Amino acid sequence: MFENLKIIGTSHISNQSVRQIKSGFSKFNPDYVAVEIDRKRFLALIYKKNSKPSFKNLKQIGFSGFLFLIIGGYVQKKLGSIVGVEPGSDMKTAINLAKEKNLPLVFIDQDIEITLKRFSKAFTLKEKITLLKEIFFGRKLKLKFDLTKVPDKKTIKTLLNYFKTNYPGIFSVLIDERNKFMAKKLFKFMRDKKEKRILCVVGAGHEEGLKKEMEKYFYSNTSL
């Protein structure tokens, strides 16, 4: 269907992801590299000093979004230190390889501030109570997987279904809405660059959803 597109689903703290991206570059030989970040996150990745949350962010994105930014960053750093991989190493690898090969980057993700604002509004009281229950009463989703590797498709599907059922607001904003946004941007770019090969690097949790959204555009006559 999309012969000129290769999508690689990654883990942001996995050495396996780094190897997959390097392999993708050498085997697919892309003309463009699309990444699951916006320009602001790109700058934060490149210039670490600008990546720390501040109280200015609290005003811009709301309390829940601000809290998510802090906790999410802490968890990624903690898990990254366990496996010895810097968080965001997958995106950095794609960016650095694109730079080495003089390939243009395409930022396909939604503006991070918009996503976090939407998160603050979508994180309902019911979902907050559910989260607190899980923290204090120990209800856990039992899954075993190697942090050094990208989770398999079955594990990813289980995790996504769990969040969709228990945290529909969060799932909608962080997964579903962004899949739609990225698919629209990527499809439009591909339409404009018909003969060009595009390597797209996204988190593994977005891979299948992004493909499905891309298929919708492919089989419809919807104008973008």
N, C-alpha and C. Protein backbone atom coordinates (compact mmCIF):
# COMPACT_ATOMS: atom_id res chain seq x y z
N MET A 1 0.83 -1.21 0.00
CA MET A 1 0.00 0.00 0.00
C MET A 1 0.86 1.26 0.00
N PHE A 2 1.81 1.33 0.96
CA PHE A 2 2.72 2.47 1.04
C PHE A 2 4.15 1.98 0.83
N GLU A 3 4.50 1.75 -0.42
CA GLU A 3 5.81 1.18 -0.72
C GLU A 3 6.96 2.12 -0.35
N ASN A 4 6.69 3.41 -0.36
CA ASN A 4 7.73 4.39 -0.08
C ASN A 4 7.77 4.83 1.39
N LEU A 5 7.03 4.10 2.22
CA LEU A 5 6.98 4.43 3.65
C LEU A 5 7.38 3.23 4.49
N LYS A 6 8.30 3.45 5.42
CA LYS A 6 8.63 2.41 6.41
C LYS A 6 8.44 3.01 7.79
N ILE A 7 7.57 2.38 8.60
CA ILE A 7 7.32 2.84 9.97
C ILE A 7 8.03 1.91 10.95
N ILE A 8 8.85 2.48 11.81
CA ILE A 8 9.54 1.70 12.85
C ILE A 8 8.96 2.08 14.21
N GLY A 9 8.38 1.10 14.91
CA GLY A 9 7.86 1.32 16.25
C GLY A 9 8.95 1.08 17.28
N THR A 10 9.17 2.05 18.16
CA THR A 10 10.31 1.98 19.08
C THR A 10 9.90 2.07 20.55
N SER A 11 10.87 1.78 21.41
CA SER A 11 10.79 2.11 22.83
C SER A 11 11.77 3.25 23.04
N HIS A 12 11.38 4.24 23.84
CA HIS A 12 12.23 5.42 24.02
C HIS A 12 13.46 5.15 24.90
N ILE A 13 13.52 3.95 25.50
CA ILE A 13 14.68 3.63 26.36
C ILE A 13 15.29 2.27 26.00
N SER A 14 15.24 1.93 24.73
CA SER A 14 15.68 0.59 24.33
C SER A 14 16.84 0.63 23.34
N ASN A 15 17.88 -0.14 23.64
CA ASN A 15 19.00 -0.28 22.71
C ASN A 15 18.57 -0.99 21.44
N GLN A 16 17.59 -1.87 21.58
CA GLN A 16 17.07 -2.59 20.41
C GLN A 16 16.50 -1.60 19.40
N SER A 17 15.83 -0.56 19.90
CA SER A 17 15.26 0.47 19.03
C SER A 17 16.35 1.18 18.24
N VAL A 18 17.43 1.49 18.92
CA VAL A 18 18.56 2.16 18.26
C VAL A 18 19.08 1.30 17.11
N ARG A 19 19.21 -0.01 17.37
CA ARG A 19 19.70 -0.92 16.32
C ARG A 19 18.71 -1.02 15.16
N GLN A 20 17.41 -1.05 15.49
CA GLN A 20 16.38 -1.13 14.44
C GLN A 20 16.40 0.09 13.54
N ILE A 21 16.59 1.25 14.14
CA ILE A 21 16.62 2.50 13.37
C ILE A 21 17.83 2.52 12.45
N LYS A 22 18.99 2.14 12.98
CA LYS A 22 20.21 2.10 12.15
C LYS A 22 20.04 1.13 10.99
N SER A 23 19.43 -0.02 11.28
CA SER A 23 19.18 -1.01 10.23
C SER A 23 18.20 -0.47 9.19
N GLY A 24 17.17 0.24 9.67
CA GLY A 24 16.18 0.83 8.77
C GLY A 24 16.81 1.82 7.81
N PHE A 25 17.73 2.62 8.32
CA PHE A 25 18.43 3.60 7.47
C PHE A 25 19.22 2.90 6.37
N SER A 26 19.98 1.87 6.75
CA SER A 26 20.86 1.21 5.79
C SER A 26 20.09 0.39 4.76
N LYS A 27 19.00 -0.26 5.19
CA LYS A 27 18.25 -1.14 4.27
C LYS A 27 17.22 -0.38 3.43
N PHE A 28 16.57 0.62 4.04
CA PHE A 28 15.47 1.32 3.35
C PHE A 28 15.97 2.49 2.52
N ASN A 29 17.09 3.06 2.93
CA ASN A 29 17.71 4.18 2.20
C ASN A 29 16.71 5.33 1.96
N PRO A 30 16.23 5.98 3.03
CA PRO A 30 15.18 6.99 2.89
C PRO A 30 15.68 8.32 2.29
N ASP A 31 14.71 9.09 1.78
CA ASP A 31 14.98 10.46 1.33
C ASP A 31 14.63 11.47 2.41
N TYR A 32 13.67 11.07 3.26
CA TYR A 32 13.22 11.92 4.37
C TYR A 32 13.09 11.06 5.62
N VAL A 33 13.20 11.71 6.78
CA VAL A 33 13.03 11.02 8.06
C VAL A 33 11.95 11.74 8.87
N ALA A 34 10.86 11.02 9.15
CA ALA A 34 9.76 11.58 9.95
C ALA A 34 9.89 11.06 11.39
N VAL A 35 9.71 11.94 12.36
CA VAL A 35 9.86 11.54 13.76
C VAL A 35 8.65 11.99 14.59
N GLU A 36 8.35 11.18 15.62
CA GLU A 36 7.20 11.43 16.50
C GLU A 36 7.55 12.50 17.55
N ILE A 37 7.92 13.66 17.08
CA ILE A 37 8.13 14.81 17.95
C ILE A 37 7.71 16.07 17.19
N ASP A 38 7.48 17.14 17.93
CA ASP A 38 7.25 18.44 17.29
C ASP A 38 8.55 19.24 17.39
N ARG A 39 8.54 20.43 16.85
CA ARG A 39 9.78 21.23 16.83
C ARG A 39 10.26 21.57 18.25
N LYS A 40 9.31 21.80 19.18
CA LYS A 40 9.69 22.15 20.55
C LYS A 40 10.40 20.98 21.24
N ARG A 41 9.88 19.79 21.05
CA ARG A 41 10.52 18.62 21.66
C ARG A 41 11.86 18.32 20.98
N PHE A 42 11.95 18.62 19.70
CA PHE A 42 13.22 18.47 18.99
C PHE A 42 14.28 19.37 19.63
N LEU A 43 13.93 20.62 19.88
CA LEU A 43 14.88 21.55 20.49
C LEU A 43 15.24 21.12 21.91
N ALA A 44 14.23 20.58 22.64
CA ALA A 44 14.48 20.10 24.00
C ALA A 44 15.43 18.90 24.01
N LEU A 45 15.31 18.04 23.00
CA LEU A 45 16.20 16.89 22.88
C LEU A 45 17.63 17.31 22.57
N ILE A 46 17.75 18.29 21.68
CA ILE A 46 19.07 18.73 21.25
C ILE A 46 19.74 19.61 22.32
N TYR A 47 18.95 20.52 22.92
CA TYR A 47 19.48 21.42 23.94
C TYR A 47 18.84 21.07 25.28
N LYS A 48 19.46 20.16 26.02
CA LYS A 48 18.86 19.61 27.25
C LYS A 48 18.50 20.68 28.27
N LYS A 49 19.23 21.77 28.29
CA LYS A 49 19.00 22.80 29.31
C LYS A 49 17.61 23.43 29.19
N ASN A 50 16.98 23.32 28.00
CA ASN A 50 15.66 23.92 27.80
C ASN A 50 14.53 22.93 28.06
N SER A 51 14.86 21.72 28.51
CA SER A 51 13.85 20.67 28.58
C SER A 51 13.20 20.53 29.96
N LYS A 52 13.70 21.26 30.97
CA LYS A 52 13.14 21.10 32.30
C LYS A 52 11.84 21.89 32.45
N PRO A 53 10.81 21.25 33.07
CA PRO A 53 9.54 21.95 33.29
C PRO A 53 9.72 23.15 34.22
N SER A 54 8.98 24.22 33.97
CA SER A 54 9.04 25.40 34.82
C SER A 54 7.61 25.82 35.17
N PHE A 55 7.48 26.79 36.10
CA PHE A 55 6.15 27.25 36.48
C PHE A 55 5.46 27.98 35.33
N LYS A 56 6.23 28.42 34.36
CA LYS A 56 5.65 29.00 33.15
C LYS A 56 4.83 27.94 32.42
N ASN A 57 5.36 26.69 32.43
CA ASN A 57 4.65 25.58 31.82
C ASN A 57 3.32 25.32 32.52
N LEU A 58 3.31 25.50 33.85
CA LEU A 58 2.10 25.26 34.64
C LEU A 58 0.95 26.14 34.14
N LYS A 59 1.25 27.39 33.84
CA LYS A 59 0.24 28.31 33.32
C LYS A 59 -0.22 27.90 31.93
N GLN A 60 0.73 27.49 31.13
CA GLN A 60 0.44 27.21 29.72
C GLN A 60 -0.34 25.92 29.52
N ILE A 61 -0.03 24.90 30.30
CA ILE A 61 -0.59 23.57 30.01
C ILE A 61 -1.53 23.04 31.08
N GLY A 62 -1.68 23.75 32.20
CA GLY A 62 -2.56 23.28 33.25
C GLY A 62 -1.86 22.36 34.23
N PHE A 63 -2.47 22.17 35.40
CA PHE A 63 -1.82 21.42 36.48
C PHE A 63 -1.59 19.96 36.12
N SER A 64 -2.62 19.29 35.57
CA SER A 64 -2.48 17.86 35.25
C SER A 64 -1.41 17.62 34.19
N GLY A 65 -1.39 18.49 33.18
CA GLY A 65 -0.38 18.37 32.14
C GLY A 65 1.01 18.60 32.68
N PHE A 66 1.14 19.58 33.59
CA PHE A 66 2.42 19.90 34.21
C PHE A 66 2.91 18.72 35.04
N LEU A 67 1.99 18.13 35.82
CA LEU A 67 2.33 16.98 36.66
C LEU A 67 2.76 15.79 35.80
N PHE A 68 2.04 15.58 34.71
CA PHE A 68 2.38 14.49 33.80
C PHE A 68 3.78 14.68 33.21
N LEU A 69 4.10 15.92 32.88
CA LEU A 69 5.41 16.26 32.32
C LEU A 69 6.53 15.89 33.29
N ILE A 70 6.33 16.24 34.58
CA ILE A 70 7.34 15.97 35.60
C ILE A 70 7.46 14.47 35.89
N ILE A 71 6.30 13.83 36.15
CA ILE A 71 6.31 12.40 36.51
C ILE A 71 6.79 11.56 35.33
N GLY A 72 6.28 11.88 34.13
CA GLY A 72 6.68 11.13 32.94
C GLY A 72 8.18 11.21 32.70
N GLY A 73 8.73 12.42 32.87
CA GLY A 73 10.17 12.61 32.69
C GLY A 73 10.97 11.84 33.72
N TYR A 74 10.49 11.85 34.97
CA TYR A 74 11.19 11.13 36.05
C TYR A 74 11.19 9.62 35.79
N VAL A 75 10.01 9.09 35.42
CA VAL A 75 9.89 7.65 35.19
C VAL A 75 10.80 7.21 34.04
N GLN A 76 10.80 7.99 32.95
CA GLN A 76 11.66 7.64 31.81
C GLN A 76 13.14 7.65 32.19
N LYS A 77 13.54 8.65 32.99
CA LYS A 77 14.94 8.72 33.42
C LYS A 77 15.29 7.53 34.31
N LYS A 78 14.35 7.17 35.20
CA LYS A 78 14.58 6.06 36.13
C LYS A 78 14.73 4.75 35.36
N LEU A 79 13.80 4.50 34.44
CA LEU A 79 13.85 3.27 33.65
C LEU A 79 15.09 3.27 32.74
N GLY A 80 15.40 4.44 32.21
CA GLY A 80 16.59 4.56 31.36
C GLY A 80 17.86 4.24 32.11
N SER A 81 17.94 4.67 33.38
CA SER A 81 19.13 4.40 34.19
C SER A 81 19.25 2.91 34.50
N ILE A 82 18.11 2.23 34.61
CA ILE A 82 18.12 0.79 34.90
C ILE A 82 18.72 0.02 33.72
N VAL A 83 18.33 0.40 32.51
CA VAL A 83 18.80 -0.34 31.33
C VAL A 83 20.03 0.30 30.69
N GLY A 84 20.46 1.44 31.24
CA GLY A 84 21.66 2.09 30.73
C GLY A 84 21.49 2.79 29.41
N VAL A 85 20.26 3.29 29.16
CA VAL A 85 19.97 3.99 27.90
C VAL A 85 19.32 5.33 28.22
N GLU A 86 19.79 6.37 27.57
CA GLU A 86 19.23 7.70 27.80
C GLU A 86 17.84 7.80 27.18
N PRO A 87 16.82 8.30 27.92
CA PRO A 87 15.48 8.47 27.35
C PRO A 87 15.52 9.32 26.08
N GLY A 88 14.75 8.89 25.09
CA GLY A 88 14.73 9.62 23.83
C GLY A 88 15.85 9.23 22.88
N SER A 89 16.58 8.16 23.25
CA SER A 89 17.72 7.74 22.42
C SER A 89 17.27 7.30 21.03
N ASP A 90 16.03 6.80 20.93
CA ASP A 90 15.52 6.38 19.61
C ASP A 90 15.37 7.58 18.68
N MET A 91 14.74 8.65 19.19
CA MET A 91 14.54 9.84 18.37
C MET A 91 15.88 10.53 18.07
N LYS A 92 16.75 10.55 19.07
CA LYS A 92 18.07 11.16 18.86
C LYS A 92 18.86 10.41 17.78
N THR A 93 18.75 9.09 17.80
CA THR A 93 19.43 8.28 16.79
C THR A 93 18.93 8.62 15.40
N ALA A 94 17.61 8.70 15.26
CA ALA A 94 17.01 9.04 13.96
C ALA A 94 17.45 10.43 13.51
N ILE A 95 17.44 11.38 14.45
CA ILE A 95 17.84 12.76 14.14
C ILE A 95 19.31 12.83 13.73
N ASN A 96 20.17 12.17 14.49
CA ASN A 96 21.61 12.21 14.21
C ASN A 96 21.97 11.53 12.88
N LEU A 97 21.29 10.41 12.60
CA LEU A 97 21.55 9.72 11.34
C LEU A 97 21.08 10.55 10.15
N ALA A 98 19.93 11.22 10.33
CA ALA A 98 19.43 12.10 9.27
C ALA A 98 20.42 13.23 9.01
N LYS A 99 20.98 13.77 10.10
CA LYS A 99 21.96 14.85 9.97
C LYS A 99 23.23 14.35 9.26
N GLU A 100 23.70 13.16 9.67
CA GLU A 100 24.90 12.59 9.06
C GLU A 100 24.74 12.38 7.55
N LYS A 101 23.53 11.95 7.17
CA LYS A 101 23.28 11.64 5.76
C LYS A 101 22.66 12.82 5.00
N ASN A 102 22.58 13.97 5.71
CA ASN A 102 22.04 15.18 5.09
C ASN A 102 20.61 14.99 4.58
N LEU A 103 19.79 14.32 5.40
CA LEU A 103 18.39 14.07 5.04
C LEU A 103 17.48 15.02 5.81
N PRO A 104 16.46 15.58 5.16
CA PRO A 104 15.53 16.48 5.85
C PRO A 104 14.70 15.74 6.89
N LEU A 105 14.46 16.40 8.02
CA LEU A 105 13.60 15.86 9.08
C LEU A 105 12.17 16.38 8.91
N VAL A 106 11.21 15.53 9.24
CA VAL A 106 9.81 15.92 9.21
C VAL A 106 9.24 15.69 10.61
N PHE A 107 8.82 16.77 11.28
CA PHE A 107 8.24 16.65 12.62
C PHE A 107 6.74 16.45 12.48
N ILE A 108 6.26 15.24 12.79
CA ILE A 108 4.86 14.92 12.50
C ILE A 108 3.95 14.99 13.72
N ASP A 109 4.51 15.14 14.92
CA ASP A 109 3.66 15.12 16.11
C ASP A 109 3.00 16.48 16.36
N GLN A 110 1.93 16.42 17.11
CA GLN A 110 1.22 17.63 17.52
C GLN A 110 2.07 18.45 18.48
N ASP A 111 1.90 19.76 18.46
CA ASP A 111 2.59 20.66 19.40
C ASP A 111 2.41 20.13 20.82
N ILE A 112 3.52 19.95 21.54
CA ILE A 112 3.49 19.36 22.88
C ILE A 112 2.62 20.16 23.85
N GLU A 113 2.60 21.49 23.70
CA GLU A 113 1.78 22.31 24.60
C GLU A 113 0.29 22.06 24.37
N ILE A 114 -0.10 21.87 23.12
CA ILE A 114 -1.50 21.56 22.81
C ILE A 114 -1.88 20.21 23.42
N THR A 115 -0.99 19.23 23.25
CA THR A 115 -1.25 17.89 23.80
C THR A 115 -1.42 17.94 25.31
N LEU A 116 -0.54 18.67 26.00
CA LEU A 116 -0.60 18.72 27.46
C LEU A 116 -1.79 19.54 27.96
N LYS A 117 -2.17 20.57 27.23
CA LYS A 117 -3.39 21.31 27.57
C LYS A 117 -4.60 20.40 27.46
N ARG A 118 -4.64 19.62 26.36
CA ARG A 118 -5.74 18.68 26.16
C ARG A 118 -5.73 17.62 27.26
N PHE A 119 -4.54 17.20 27.66
CA PHE A 119 -4.40 16.21 28.73
C PHE A 119 -5.02 16.74 30.02
N SER A 120 -4.71 17.99 30.37
CA SER A 120 -5.24 18.60 31.60
C SER A 120 -6.76 18.62 31.62
N LYS A 121 -7.35 18.85 30.45
CA LYS A 121 -8.82 18.90 30.36
C LYS A 121 -9.44 17.51 30.32
N ALA A 122 -8.73 16.56 29.71
CA ALA A 122 -9.29 15.22 29.51
C ALA A 122 -9.12 14.29 30.70
N PHE A 123 -8.18 14.61 31.60
CA PHE A 123 -7.91 13.76 32.76
C PHE A 123 -9.01 14.01 33.80
N THR A 124 -10.07 13.22 33.71
CA THR A 124 -11.27 13.43 34.51
C THR A 124 -11.08 13.03 35.98
N LEU A 125 -12.00 13.49 36.81
CA LEU A 125 -11.99 13.13 38.23
C LEU A 125 -12.07 11.62 38.40
N LYS A 126 -12.91 10.98 37.60
CA LYS A 126 -13.06 9.52 37.67
C LYS A 126 -11.72 8.83 37.39
N GLU A 127 -10.99 9.32 36.40
CA GLU A 127 -9.71 8.72 36.06
C GLU A 127 -8.67 8.98 37.14
N LYS A 128 -8.74 10.15 37.77
CA LYS A 128 -7.82 10.46 38.86
C LYS A 128 -8.06 9.52 40.05
N ILE A 129 -9.34 9.26 40.34
CA ILE A 129 -9.69 8.34 41.43
C ILE A 129 -9.21 6.93 41.10
N THR A 130 -9.41 6.52 39.85
CA THR A 130 -8.94 5.20 39.40
C THR A 130 -7.44 5.07 39.59
N LEU A 131 -6.71 6.12 39.22
CA LEU A 131 -5.25 6.11 39.36
C LEU A 131 -4.83 6.01 40.82
N LEU A 132 -5.50 6.78 41.69
CA LEU A 132 -5.18 6.75 43.12
C LEU A 132 -5.46 5.37 43.72
N LYS A 133 -6.55 4.75 43.29
CA LYS A 133 -6.87 3.39 43.76
C LYS A 133 -5.77 2.41 43.37
N GLU A 134 -5.28 2.56 42.15
CA GLU A 134 -4.24 1.65 41.69
C GLU A 134 -2.93 1.86 42.45
N ILE A 135 -2.65 3.11 42.78
CA ILE A 135 -1.42 3.43 43.51
C ILE A 135 -1.49 2.91 44.95
N PHE A 136 -2.62 3.17 45.62
CA PHE A 136 -2.71 2.87 47.06
C PHE A 136 -3.26 1.48 47.39
N PHE A 137 -4.01 0.89 46.47
CA PHE A 137 -4.59 -0.42 46.77
C PHE A 137 -3.98 -1.54 45.94
N GLY A 138 -2.96 -1.18 45.17
CA GLY A 138 -2.13 -2.20 44.54
C GLY A 138 -2.73 -2.99 43.40
N ARG A 139 -3.80 -2.47 42.75
CA ARG A 139 -4.32 -3.18 41.59
C ARG A 139 -3.33 -3.00 40.44
N LYS A 140 -2.78 -4.10 39.95
CA LYS A 140 -1.72 -3.99 38.95
C LYS A 140 -2.04 -4.80 37.69
N LEU A 141 -1.54 -4.29 36.59
CA LEU A 141 -1.60 -5.01 35.34
C LEU A 141 -0.34 -5.85 35.25
N LYS A 142 -0.49 -7.17 35.28
CA LYS A 142 0.67 -8.05 35.32
C LYS A 142 1.15 -8.40 33.91
N LEU A 143 2.24 -7.78 33.54
CA LEU A 143 2.86 -8.04 32.25
C LEU A 143 4.37 -8.17 32.43
N LYS A 144 4.95 -9.12 31.76
CA LYS A 144 6.40 -9.28 31.83
C LYS A 144 7.02 -8.98 30.47
N PHE A 145 7.95 -8.03 30.45
CA PHE A 145 8.69 -7.78 29.23
C PHE A 145 10.04 -7.16 29.57
N ASP A 146 10.96 -7.32 28.65
CA ASP A 146 12.34 -6.86 28.82
C ASP A 146 12.43 -5.39 28.46
N LEU A 147 12.84 -4.56 29.44
CA LEU A 147 12.94 -3.12 29.21
C LEU A 147 13.96 -2.76 28.13
N THR A 148 14.92 -3.66 27.90
CA THR A 148 15.95 -3.36 26.90
C THR A 148 15.46 -3.61 25.47
N LYS A 149 14.25 -4.17 25.36
CA LYS A 149 13.70 -4.48 24.04
C LYS A 149 12.38 -3.75 23.82
N VAL A 150 11.98 -3.66 22.57
CA VAL A 150 10.67 -3.10 22.23
C VAL A 150 9.63 -4.17 22.57
N PRO A 151 8.57 -3.82 23.34
CA PRO A 151 7.55 -4.82 23.67
C PRO A 151 6.92 -5.41 22.41
N ASP A 152 6.55 -6.70 22.47
CA ASP A 152 5.93 -7.32 21.30
C ASP A 152 4.52 -6.77 21.09
N LYS A 153 3.95 -7.04 19.93
CA LYS A 153 2.66 -6.46 19.55
C LYS A 153 1.53 -6.89 20.50
N LYS A 154 1.60 -8.12 21.00
CA LYS A 154 0.57 -8.60 21.93
C LYS A 154 0.60 -7.81 23.23
N THR A 155 1.80 -7.57 23.76
CA THR A 155 1.95 -6.79 24.99
C THR A 155 1.47 -5.36 24.79
N ILE A 156 1.85 -4.76 23.67
CA ILE A 156 1.42 -3.39 23.37
C ILE A 156 -0.10 -3.30 23.28
N LYS A 157 -0.70 -4.27 22.60
CA LYS A 157 -2.16 -4.29 22.46
C LYS A 157 -2.84 -4.40 23.81
N THR A 158 -2.30 -5.25 24.69
CA THR A 158 -2.85 -5.42 26.04
C THR A 158 -2.78 -4.12 26.83
N LEU A 159 -1.63 -3.46 26.76
CA LEU A 159 -1.44 -2.18 27.47
C LEU A 159 -2.39 -1.11 26.95
N LEU A 160 -2.50 -1.01 25.63
CA LEU A 160 -3.37 0.01 25.03
C LEU A 160 -4.83 -0.24 25.38
N ASN A 161 -5.26 -1.49 25.34
CA ASN A 161 -6.64 -1.83 25.71
C ASN A 161 -6.92 -1.50 27.17
N TYR A 162 -5.92 -1.75 28.01
CA TYR A 162 -6.06 -1.46 29.44
C TYR A 162 -6.26 0.03 29.66
N PHE A 163 -5.42 0.85 29.04
CA PHE A 163 -5.54 2.30 29.21
C PHE A 163 -6.81 2.85 28.56
N LYS A 164 -7.19 2.27 27.45
CA LYS A 164 -8.42 2.72 26.78
C LYS A 164 -9.64 2.46 27.64
N THR A 165 -9.63 1.33 28.36
CA THR A 165 -10.76 0.96 29.22
C THR A 165 -10.77 1.75 30.52
N ASN A 166 -9.61 1.89 31.16
CA ASN A 166 -9.54 2.50 32.48
C ASN A 166 -9.28 4.00 32.47
N TYR A 167 -8.65 4.48 31.41
CA TYR A 167 -8.33 5.91 31.30
C TYR A 167 -8.67 6.42 29.90
N PRO A 168 -9.96 6.40 29.55
CA PRO A 168 -10.35 6.77 28.18
C PRO A 168 -9.96 8.18 27.78
N GLY A 169 -10.00 9.12 28.73
CA GLY A 169 -9.62 10.50 28.43
C GLY A 169 -8.16 10.62 28.08
N ILE A 170 -7.32 10.00 28.91
CA ILE A 170 -5.87 10.02 28.68
C ILE A 170 -5.54 9.31 27.36
N PHE A 171 -6.17 8.16 27.14
CA PHE A 171 -5.93 7.40 25.92
C PHE A 171 -6.28 8.22 24.69
N SER A 172 -7.41 8.90 24.75
CA SER A 172 -7.86 9.70 23.62
C SER A 172 -6.84 10.78 23.25
N VAL A 173 -6.33 11.48 24.27
CA VAL A 173 -5.41 12.60 24.03
C VAL A 173 -4.01 12.12 23.65
N LEU A 174 -3.48 11.18 24.42
CA LEU A 174 -2.08 10.78 24.22
C LEU A 174 -1.87 9.80 23.07
N ILE A 175 -2.90 9.02 22.76
CA ILE A 175 -2.74 8.01 21.71
C ILE A 175 -3.60 8.32 20.48
N ASP A 176 -4.91 8.29 20.66
CA ASP A 176 -5.82 8.37 19.52
C ASP A 176 -5.72 9.68 18.75
N GLU A 177 -5.81 10.80 19.46
CA GLU A 177 -5.76 12.11 18.79
C GLU A 177 -4.43 12.33 18.09
N ARG A 178 -3.36 11.91 18.72
CA ARG A 178 -2.03 12.10 18.12
C ARG A 178 -1.83 11.19 16.91
N ASN A 179 -2.38 9.97 16.97
CA ASN A 179 -2.32 9.09 15.80
C ASN A 179 -2.99 9.75 14.60
N LYS A 180 -4.16 10.33 14.85
CA LYS A 180 -4.90 11.00 13.77
C LYS A 180 -4.10 12.20 13.23
N PHE A 181 -3.54 12.98 14.15
CA PHE A 181 -2.78 14.16 13.75
C PHE A 181 -1.56 13.76 12.92
N MET A 182 -0.82 12.76 13.41
CA MET A 182 0.40 12.34 12.72
C MET A 182 0.08 11.72 11.36
N ALA A 183 -1.00 10.93 11.30
CA ALA A 183 -1.38 10.30 10.03
C ALA A 183 -1.73 11.35 8.98
N LYS A 184 -2.48 12.36 9.41
CA LYS A 184 -2.88 13.42 8.48
C LYS A 184 -1.66 14.16 7.94
N LYS A 185 -0.75 14.50 8.84
CA LYS A 185 0.45 15.25 8.44
C LYS A 185 1.36 14.39 7.55
N LEU A 186 1.51 13.14 7.92
CA LEU A 186 2.38 12.23 7.17
C LEU A 186 1.80 11.94 5.79
N PHE A 187 0.49 11.69 5.72
CA PHE A 187 -0.15 11.38 4.44
C PHE A 187 -0.06 12.58 3.50
N LYS A 188 -0.29 13.77 4.03
CA LYS A 188 -0.20 14.99 3.21
C LYS A 188 1.22 15.16 2.68
N PHE A 189 2.19 14.92 3.54
CA PHE A 189 3.59 15.05 3.12
C PHE A 189 3.92 14.04 2.03
N MET A 190 3.45 12.81 2.20
CA MET A 190 3.70 11.77 1.20
C MET A 190 3.04 12.09 -0.13
N ARG A 191 1.86 12.67 -0.05
CA ARG A 191 1.15 13.05 -1.28
C ARG A 191 1.94 14.12 -2.05
N ASP A 192 2.56 15.01 -1.31
CA ASP A 192 3.35 16.08 -1.94
C ASP A 192 4.71 15.60 -2.43
N LYS A 193 5.19 14.48 -1.86
CA LYS A 193 6.52 13.94 -2.22
C LYS A 193 6.35 12.51 -2.72
N LYS A 194 5.57 12.34 -3.75
CA LYS A 194 5.12 11.02 -4.18
C LYS A 194 6.22 10.00 -4.43
N GLU A 195 7.30 10.41 -4.99
CA GLU A 195 8.36 9.45 -5.36
C GLU A 195 9.43 9.30 -4.29
N LYS A 196 9.27 9.98 -3.17
CA LYS A 196 10.31 9.98 -2.14
C LYS A 196 10.06 8.90 -1.08
N ARG A 197 11.14 8.33 -0.58
CA ARG A 197 11.06 7.29 0.44
C ARG A 197 11.17 7.93 1.83
N ILE A 198 10.22 7.56 2.69
CA ILE A 198 10.15 8.18 4.02
C ILE A 198 10.28 7.12 5.11
N LEU A 199 11.26 7.30 5.97
CA LEU A 199 11.42 6.45 7.16
C LEU A 199 10.77 7.18 8.33
N CYS A 200 9.80 6.54 8.96
CA CYS A 200 9.04 7.17 10.05
C CYS A 200 9.31 6.45 11.37
N VAL A 201 9.78 7.19 12.36
CA VAL A 201 10.11 6.62 13.67
C VAL A 201 9.11 7.11 14.71
N VAL A 202 8.33 6.18 15.27
CA VAL A 202 7.33 6.52 16.29
C VAL A 202 7.41 5.52 17.44
N GLY A 203 6.86 5.90 18.60
CA GLY A 203 6.77 4.97 19.71
C GLY A 203 5.94 3.76 19.32
N ALA A 204 6.30 2.60 19.86
CA ALA A 204 5.62 1.35 19.49
C ALA A 204 4.12 1.40 19.75
N GLY A 205 3.70 2.19 20.74
CA GLY A 205 2.28 2.32 21.05
C GLY A 205 1.49 3.06 19.99
N HIS A 206 2.19 3.72 19.08
CA HIS A 206 1.53 4.46 18.00
C HIS A 206 1.57 3.73 16.66
N GLU A 207 2.42 2.74 16.54
CA GLU A 207 2.69 2.12 15.24
C GLU A 207 1.44 1.61 14.54
N GLU A 208 0.69 0.72 15.19
CA GLU A 208 -0.48 0.11 14.55
C GLU A 208 -1.59 1.13 14.33
N GLY A 209 -1.81 2.01 15.31
CA GLY A 209 -2.84 3.04 15.19
C GLY A 209 -2.54 4.00 14.05
N LEU A 210 -1.28 4.37 13.90
CA LEU A 210 -0.86 5.26 12.82
C LEU A 210 -1.09 4.59 11.46
N LYS A 211 -0.75 3.32 11.36
CA LYS A 211 -0.97 2.59 10.10
C LYS A 211 -2.45 2.55 9.73
N LYS A 212 -3.31 2.31 10.73
CA LYS A 212 -4.75 2.24 10.46
C LYS A 212 -5.29 3.59 10.00
N GLU A 213 -4.83 4.67 10.64
CA GLU A 213 -5.27 6.00 10.23
C GLU A 213 -4.77 6.33 8.82
N MET A 214 -3.56 5.90 8.50
CA MET A 214 -3.02 6.12 7.15
C MET A 214 -3.84 5.36 6.11
N GLU A 215 -4.27 4.16 6.46
CA GLU A 215 -5.09 3.35 5.55
C GLU A 215 -6.42 4.04 5.25
N LYS A 216 -6.98 4.70 6.26
CA LYS A 216 -8.25 5.42 6.06
C LYS A 216 -8.10 6.49 4.99
N TYR A 217 -7.00 7.23 5.05
CA TYR A 217 -6.75 8.26 4.04
C TYR A 217 -6.51 7.64 2.67
N PHE A 218 -5.82 6.52 2.66
CA PHE A 218 -5.49 5.85 1.40
C PHE A 218 -6.75 5.40 0.67
N TYR A 219 -7.73 4.87 1.43
CA TYR A 219 -8.93 4.31 0.81
C TYR A 219 -10.08 5.31 0.70
N SER A 220 -9.88 6.52 1.16
CA SER A 220 -10.95 7.53 1.07
C SER A 220 -10.54 8.64 0.11
N ASN A 221 -11.51 9.45 -0.25
CA ASN A 221 -11.24 10.59 -1.13
C ASN A 221 -11.23 11.88 -0.33
N THR A 222 -11.00 11.75 0.99
CA THR A 222 -11.02 12.92 1.86
C THR A 222 -9.90 13.87 1.48
N SER A 223 -10.25 15.14 1.33
CA SER A 223 -9.23 16.15 1.03
C SER A 223 -8.60 16.62 2.33
N LEU A 224 -7.33 16.90 2.30
CA LEU A 224 -6.61 17.32 3.51
C LEU A 224 -6.45 18.83 3.54
